[in-house]
Amino acid sequence: MRKQREYTPSGCLREGLTQSRMRLACAVSLAMLWSGCGGGETTRQVLQRYGPQFNERRQQFKNIAGSLPAPGGVQDASPVNLSPRPVYDEKHHSSNNTEIVMYDQLIDPDIRSEGHNRLDLILSGNLLTAMQWTGPKNPMSSEGLDRRSNPDLEQELKQALGEQYLVVLRPVKFVAPVATDENTFTPGTADIEGYIVNLPDQKVVGSFRYTAQSSARVEYSSRKGDTSAARQSQLEEFAYSSLYEDARKKLKPLLEQTTGGTFAID
């Protein structure tokens, strides 16, 4: 038997980390699917061949991180007229010319969240995925790497290398929601700066800033027999997801207003 619980403040479906794990699992599964479909090289050989180019991207990311203004420097939106216009579709990456990453992924593309220790809107695409696949912490299995590669893999790598723009999201302040018991929590908030970077010359061409908050009223489900601690943990997870969803929802119009581009973010 499941009980519906509603508290103020509280949270929504724990989509953040769930979606992160699902996206990584799908990416690895897709690469393994590619690797079993024929072709002259193994997946490992293709990734090794492209490794030097994505290592350059890793260094480029670090250079960009070091060149950004100090946190809190963005006060108002700084629109820019770009040509070509940025194109980003969260679900269909093949036509994207824009990548969206969190600031800490510039420094460490392989970083993973541990609980709610960092904010990740989980919007990165082929570029960051390719950097992970060609890097020292490739999540693919040895079996998958040593199967024959599908040509689609190489097309994805080429698309990633051809991206024109990088959107960097840096939380100036991030306070995760904290459940104090199974009925209440301390709300969370995020003050986020965004930078639009032209990748070929690594220059910041536009910026914006906004805030996101966790929901004031949220429902969550629990099962009969759940302990009080389990319900408290569930409440906190849902509360974090409401903050994550608010940050993503507000981002799309800001990106389009700042860049004149097209952004499909669910």
Protein backbone atom coordinates (compact mmCIF):
# COMPACT_ATOMS: atom_id res chain seq x y z
CA MET A 1 0.00 0.00 0.00
CA ARG A 2 1.34 3.41 -0.95
CA LYS A 3 0.49 6.61 0.81
CA GLN A 4 0.41 10.02 -0.79
CA ARG A 5 1.96 12.63 1.45
CA GLU A 6 1.90 16.39 0.95
CA TYR A 7 3.98 18.78 2.98
CA THR A 8 4.93 22.45 2.99
CA PRO A 9 7.63 22.93 2.00
CA SER A 10 8.45 19.63 0.30
CA GLY A 11 9.59 18.08 -3.01
CA CYS A 12 8.70 16.40 -6.32
CA LEU A 13 9.85 13.32 -8.24
CA ARG A 14 13.56 12.68 -7.81
CA GLU A 15 14.33 13.27 -11.44
CA GLY A 16 17.77 14.83 -11.11
CA LEU A 17 20.02 11.94 -10.15
CA THR A 18 17.65 9.40 -11.67
CA GLN A 19 17.87 11.08 -15.05
CA SER A 20 21.62 11.41 -14.68
CA ARG A 21 22.03 7.69 -14.12
CA MET A 22 19.61 6.87 -16.93
CA ARG A 23 21.44 9.13 -19.37
CA LEU A 24 24.82 7.60 -18.55
CA ALA A 25 23.38 4.09 -18.81
CA CYS A 26 21.77 4.90 -22.16
CA ALA A 27 24.97 6.41 -23.49
CA VAL A 28 27.00 3.35 -22.53
CA SER A 29 24.34 0.97 -23.87
CA LEU A 30 24.19 2.88 -27.16
CA ALA A 31 27.94 2.70 -27.57
CA MET A 32 27.84 -1.02 -26.91
CA LEU A 33 25.04 -1.40 -29.44
CA TRP A 34 27.15 0.48 -31.99
CA SER A 35 30.15 -1.71 -31.19
CA GLY A 36 28.34 -4.88 -32.24
CA CYS A 37 27.24 -3.71 -35.68
CA GLY A 38 30.30 -4.25 -37.86
CA GLY A 39 33.03 -1.98 -39.24
CA GLY A 40 36.81 -2.30 -39.49
CA GLU A 41 37.82 -0.89 -36.11
CA THR A 42 36.79 -1.73 -32.59
CA THR A 43 35.13 0.91 -30.44
CA ARG A 44 38.32 1.15 -28.40
CA GLN A 45 40.38 1.87 -31.53
CA VAL A 46 37.99 4.58 -32.73
CA LEU A 47 38.01 6.27 -29.33
CA GLN A 48 41.79 6.05 -29.13
CA ARG A 49 42.08 7.64 -32.57
CA TYR A 50 39.96 10.58 -31.46
CA GLY A 51 41.53 10.73 -28.01
CA PRO A 52 44.08 13.49 -28.77
CA GLN A 53 41.38 15.82 -30.13
CA PHE A 54 39.18 15.38 -27.07
CA ASN A 55 42.19 15.77 -24.78
CA GLU A 56 42.59 19.16 -26.42
CA ARG A 57 38.96 19.89 -25.56
CA ARG A 58 39.69 18.99 -21.93
CA GLN A 59 42.50 21.54 -21.88
CA GLN A 60 40.26 24.04 -23.64
CA PHE A 61 37.63 23.55 -20.92
CA LYS A 62 40.23 24.26 -18.22
CA ASN A 63 41.36 27.39 -20.06
CA ILE A 64 37.77 28.63 -20.23
CA ALA A 65 37.26 27.95 -16.52
CA GLY A 66 40.33 30.01 -15.72
CA SER A 67 39.28 32.89 -17.96
CA LEU A 68 35.80 33.44 -16.50
CA PRO A 69 35.21 36.45 -14.21
CA ALA A 70 35.11 35.91 -10.47
CA PRO A 71 31.85 34.40 -9.17
CA GLY A 72 29.14 37.02 -8.76
CA GLY A 73 30.47 39.24 -11.53
CA VAL A 74 27.37 38.92 -13.71
CA GLN A 75 24.64 41.34 -12.64
CA ASP A 76 22.36 41.66 -15.66
CA ALA A 77 21.88 39.76 -18.91
CA SER A 78 24.31 40.64 -21.67
CA PRO A 79 22.56 39.66 -24.94
CA VAL A 80 24.53 38.88 -28.06
CA ASN A 81 23.66 38.52 -31.74
CA LEU A 82 25.35 35.31 -32.87
CA SER A 83 25.84 33.87 -36.33
CA PRO A 84 25.22 31.05 -36.74
CA ARG A 85 22.55 31.08 -34.07
CA PRO A 86 22.88 28.53 -31.30
CA VAL A 87 20.87 25.34 -31.68
CA TYR A 88 20.34 22.92 -28.82
CA ASP A 89 17.94 20.02 -28.46
CA GLU A 90 18.23 17.98 -25.28
CA LYS A 91 16.84 14.82 -26.91
CA HIS A 92 18.25 15.09 -30.43
CA HIS A 93 21.92 16.02 -30.41
CA SER A 94 22.81 15.39 -34.04
CA SER A 95 22.00 18.94 -35.20
CA ASN A 96 23.27 20.75 -32.10
CA ASN A 97 25.99 23.36 -32.41
CA THR A 98 25.86 24.11 -28.68
CA GLU A 99 26.88 22.22 -25.54
CA ILE A 100 25.63 23.03 -22.02
CA VAL A 101 27.81 22.14 -19.03
CA MET A 102 28.16 23.01 -15.37
CA TYR A 103 31.21 25.02 -14.34
CA ASP A 104 32.79 22.17 -12.37
CA GLN A 105 32.63 19.98 -15.50
CA LEU A 106 35.06 22.39 -17.16
CA ILE A 107 37.62 21.49 -14.51
CA ASP A 108 36.72 17.81 -14.30
CA PRO A 109 34.57 16.40 -17.15
CA ASP A 110 34.26 13.12 -15.23
CA ILE A 111 32.84 14.61 -12.04
CA ARG A 112 29.85 12.82 -10.50
CA SER A 113 27.34 14.01 -7.93
CA GLU A 114 27.42 12.49 -4.46
CA GLY A 115 24.02 13.08 -2.94
CA HIS A 116 23.26 16.79 -3.18
CA ASN A 117 26.83 18.05 -2.96
CA ARG A 118 26.57 19.88 -6.28
CA LEU A 119 23.99 21.23 -8.70
CA ASP A 120 23.84 19.54 -12.10
CA LEU A 121 21.05 20.37 -14.56
CA ILE A 122 22.09 17.34 -16.65
CA LEU A 123 22.04 19.08 -20.02
CA SER A 124 25.40 18.06 -21.47
CA GLY A 125 25.41 16.40 -24.89
CA ASN A 126 27.79 14.66 -27.26
CA LEU A 127 30.83 16.78 -26.46
CA LEU A 128 31.03 15.99 -22.77
CA THR A 129 30.02 12.36 -23.37
CA ALA A 130 32.80 11.96 -25.95
CA MET A 131 35.31 13.51 -23.56
CA GLN A 132 34.28 10.94 -20.97
CA TRP A 133 34.48 8.05 -23.44
CA THR A 134 37.97 9.05 -24.59
CA GLY A 135 39.18 9.96 -21.10
CA PRO A 136 40.76 8.00 -18.24
CA LYS A 137 37.44 7.04 -16.63
CA ASN A 138 35.58 5.64 -19.64
CA PRO A 139 32.38 4.05 -18.22
CA MET A 140 32.17 1.44 -20.98
CA SER A 141 33.05 -2.19 -20.28
CA SER A 142 36.11 -3.86 -21.82
CA GLU A 143 33.78 -6.20 -23.69
CA GLY A 144 31.96 -3.28 -25.28
CA LEU A 145 35.16 -1.44 -26.13
CA ASP A 146 36.63 -4.46 -27.92
CA ARG A 147 33.64 -5.11 -30.18
CA ARG A 148 33.58 -3.75 -33.70
CA SER A 149 32.44 -0.16 -33.94
CA ASN A 150 29.46 1.20 -35.83
CA PRO A 151 30.03 4.20 -38.15
CA ASP A 152 27.44 6.15 -36.16
CA LEU A 153 29.92 6.41 -33.30
CA GLU A 154 32.38 8.30 -35.45
CA GLN A 155 29.63 10.62 -36.68
CA GLU A 156 28.75 11.45 -33.08
CA LEU A 157 32.38 12.21 -32.30
CA LYS A 158 32.71 14.45 -35.34
CA GLN A 159 29.51 16.29 -34.43
CA ALA A 160 30.84 16.88 -30.93
CA LEU A 161 34.12 18.31 -32.22
CA GLY A 162 32.24 20.64 -34.55
CA GLU A 163 30.15 22.38 -31.90
CA GLN A 164 30.45 26.16 -32.01
CA TYR A 165 29.19 27.32 -28.62
CA LEU A 166 29.50 26.34 -25.00
CA VAL A 167 27.03 27.41 -22.32
CA VAL A 168 28.62 27.33 -18.87
CA LEU A 169 26.33 27.35 -15.82
CA ARG A 170 28.03 28.33 -12.57
CA PRO A 171 26.17 28.37 -9.26
CA VAL A 172 27.28 31.47 -7.38
CA LYS A 173 25.40 30.05 -4.42
CA PHE A 174 23.77 26.66 -4.07
CA VAL A 175 21.91 25.53 -0.97
CA ALA A 176 20.34 22.09 -1.27
CA PRO A 177 17.03 21.41 0.48
CA VAL A 178 17.41 19.59 3.79
CA ALA A 179 14.59 17.55 5.33
CA THR A 180 14.38 18.07 9.07
CA ASP A 181 11.90 15.23 9.51
CA GLU A 182 9.45 13.30 7.33
CA ASN A 183 7.05 16.25 7.24
CA THR A 184 9.17 19.37 6.73
CA PHE A 185 12.31 20.58 5.05
CA THR A 186 14.42 23.69 4.75
CA PRO A 187 13.94 25.05 1.20
CA GLY A 188 16.77 25.06 -1.30
CA THR A 189 17.91 27.78 -3.65
CA ALA A 190 20.41 28.35 -6.45
CA ASP A 191 21.86 31.62 -7.75
CA ILE A 192 23.21 30.75 -11.20
CA GLU A 193 25.43 32.65 -13.63
CA GLY A 194 25.44 31.62 -17.27
CA TYR A 195 28.18 32.32 -19.81
CA ILE A 196 27.99 31.90 -23.58
CA VAL A 197 31.41 30.96 -24.95
CA ASN A 198 32.50 30.88 -28.59
CA LEU A 199 34.53 27.67 -28.64
CA PRO A 200 36.92 28.40 -31.55
CA ASP A 201 38.49 31.40 -29.78
CA GLN A 202 37.34 30.53 -26.22
CA LYS A 203 35.88 34.01 -25.70
CA VAL A 204 32.85 34.83 -23.57
CA VAL A 205 30.32 36.52 -25.85
CA GLY A 206 27.26 36.78 -23.60
CA SER A 207 26.08 36.20 -20.05
CA PHE A 208 23.00 36.07 -17.80
CA ARG A 209 22.05 35.36 -14.21
CA TYR A 210 18.98 33.91 -12.52
CA THR A 211 17.73 32.19 -9.37
CA ALA A 212 15.83 28.96 -8.82
CA GLN A 213 14.02 27.67 -5.75
CA SER A 214 12.57 24.42 -4.50
CA SER A 215 8.78 24.17 -4.47
CA ALA A 216 6.79 25.44 -1.52
CA ARG A 217 4.34 22.50 -1.65
CA VAL A 218 5.10 19.04 -3.00
CA GLU A 219 3.70 15.52 -2.85
CA TYR A 220 5.71 12.36 -2.42
CA SER A 221 4.86 8.68 -2.12
CA SER A 222 5.84 6.23 0.59
CA ARG A 223 5.23 2.54 1.13
CA LYS A 224 3.68 0.86 4.10
CA GLY A 225 6.46 -0.15 6.40
CA ASP A 226 8.85 2.64 5.42
CA THR A 227 10.77 3.95 8.38
CA SER A 228 10.63 7.57 9.41
CA ALA A 229 14.22 7.97 8.19
CA ALA A 230 13.30 6.53 4.77
CA ARG A 231 10.38 8.94 4.44
CA GLN A 232 12.58 11.85 5.46
CA SER A 233 15.13 10.86 2.82
CA GLN A 234 12.39 10.59 0.21
CA LEU A 235 11.10 14.04 1.09
CA GLU A 236 14.58 15.50 0.68
CA GLU A 237 15.05 13.82 -2.70
CA PHE A 238 11.76 15.19 -3.97
CA ALA A 239 12.55 18.65 -2.65
CA TYR A 240 15.86 18.66 -4.51
CA SER A 241 14.11 17.63 -7.72
CA SER A 242 11.74 20.58 -7.49
CA LEU A 243 14.75 22.92 -7.34
CA TYR A 244 16.36 21.10 -10.28
CA GLU A 245 13.18 21.38 -12.35
CA ASP A 246 12.75 25.08 -11.57
CA ALA A 247 16.32 25.79 -12.67
CA ARG A 248 15.83 23.96 -15.97
CA LYS A 249 12.44 25.57 -16.65
CA LYS A 250 13.78 29.10 -16.22
CA LEU A 251 16.90 28.45 -18.27
CA LYS A 252 15.32 27.94 -21.70
CA PRO A 253 13.78 31.45 -22.14
CA LEU A 254 16.92 33.07 -20.76
CA LEU A 255 19.11 31.29 -23.29
CA GLU A 256 16.84 32.22 -26.18
CA GLN A 257 16.61 35.85 -25.08
CA THR A 258 20.36 36.14 -24.56
CA THR A 259 21.51 34.41 -27.74
CA GLY A 260 18.61 34.54 -30.21
CA GLY A 261 19.07 30.80 -30.60
CA THR A 262 16.73 27.82 -30.34
CA PHE A 263 16.79 25.66 -27.21
CA ALA A 264 14.63 22.57 -26.63
CA ILE A 265 14.76 21.72 -22.92
CA ASP A 266 12.07 19.54 -21.35
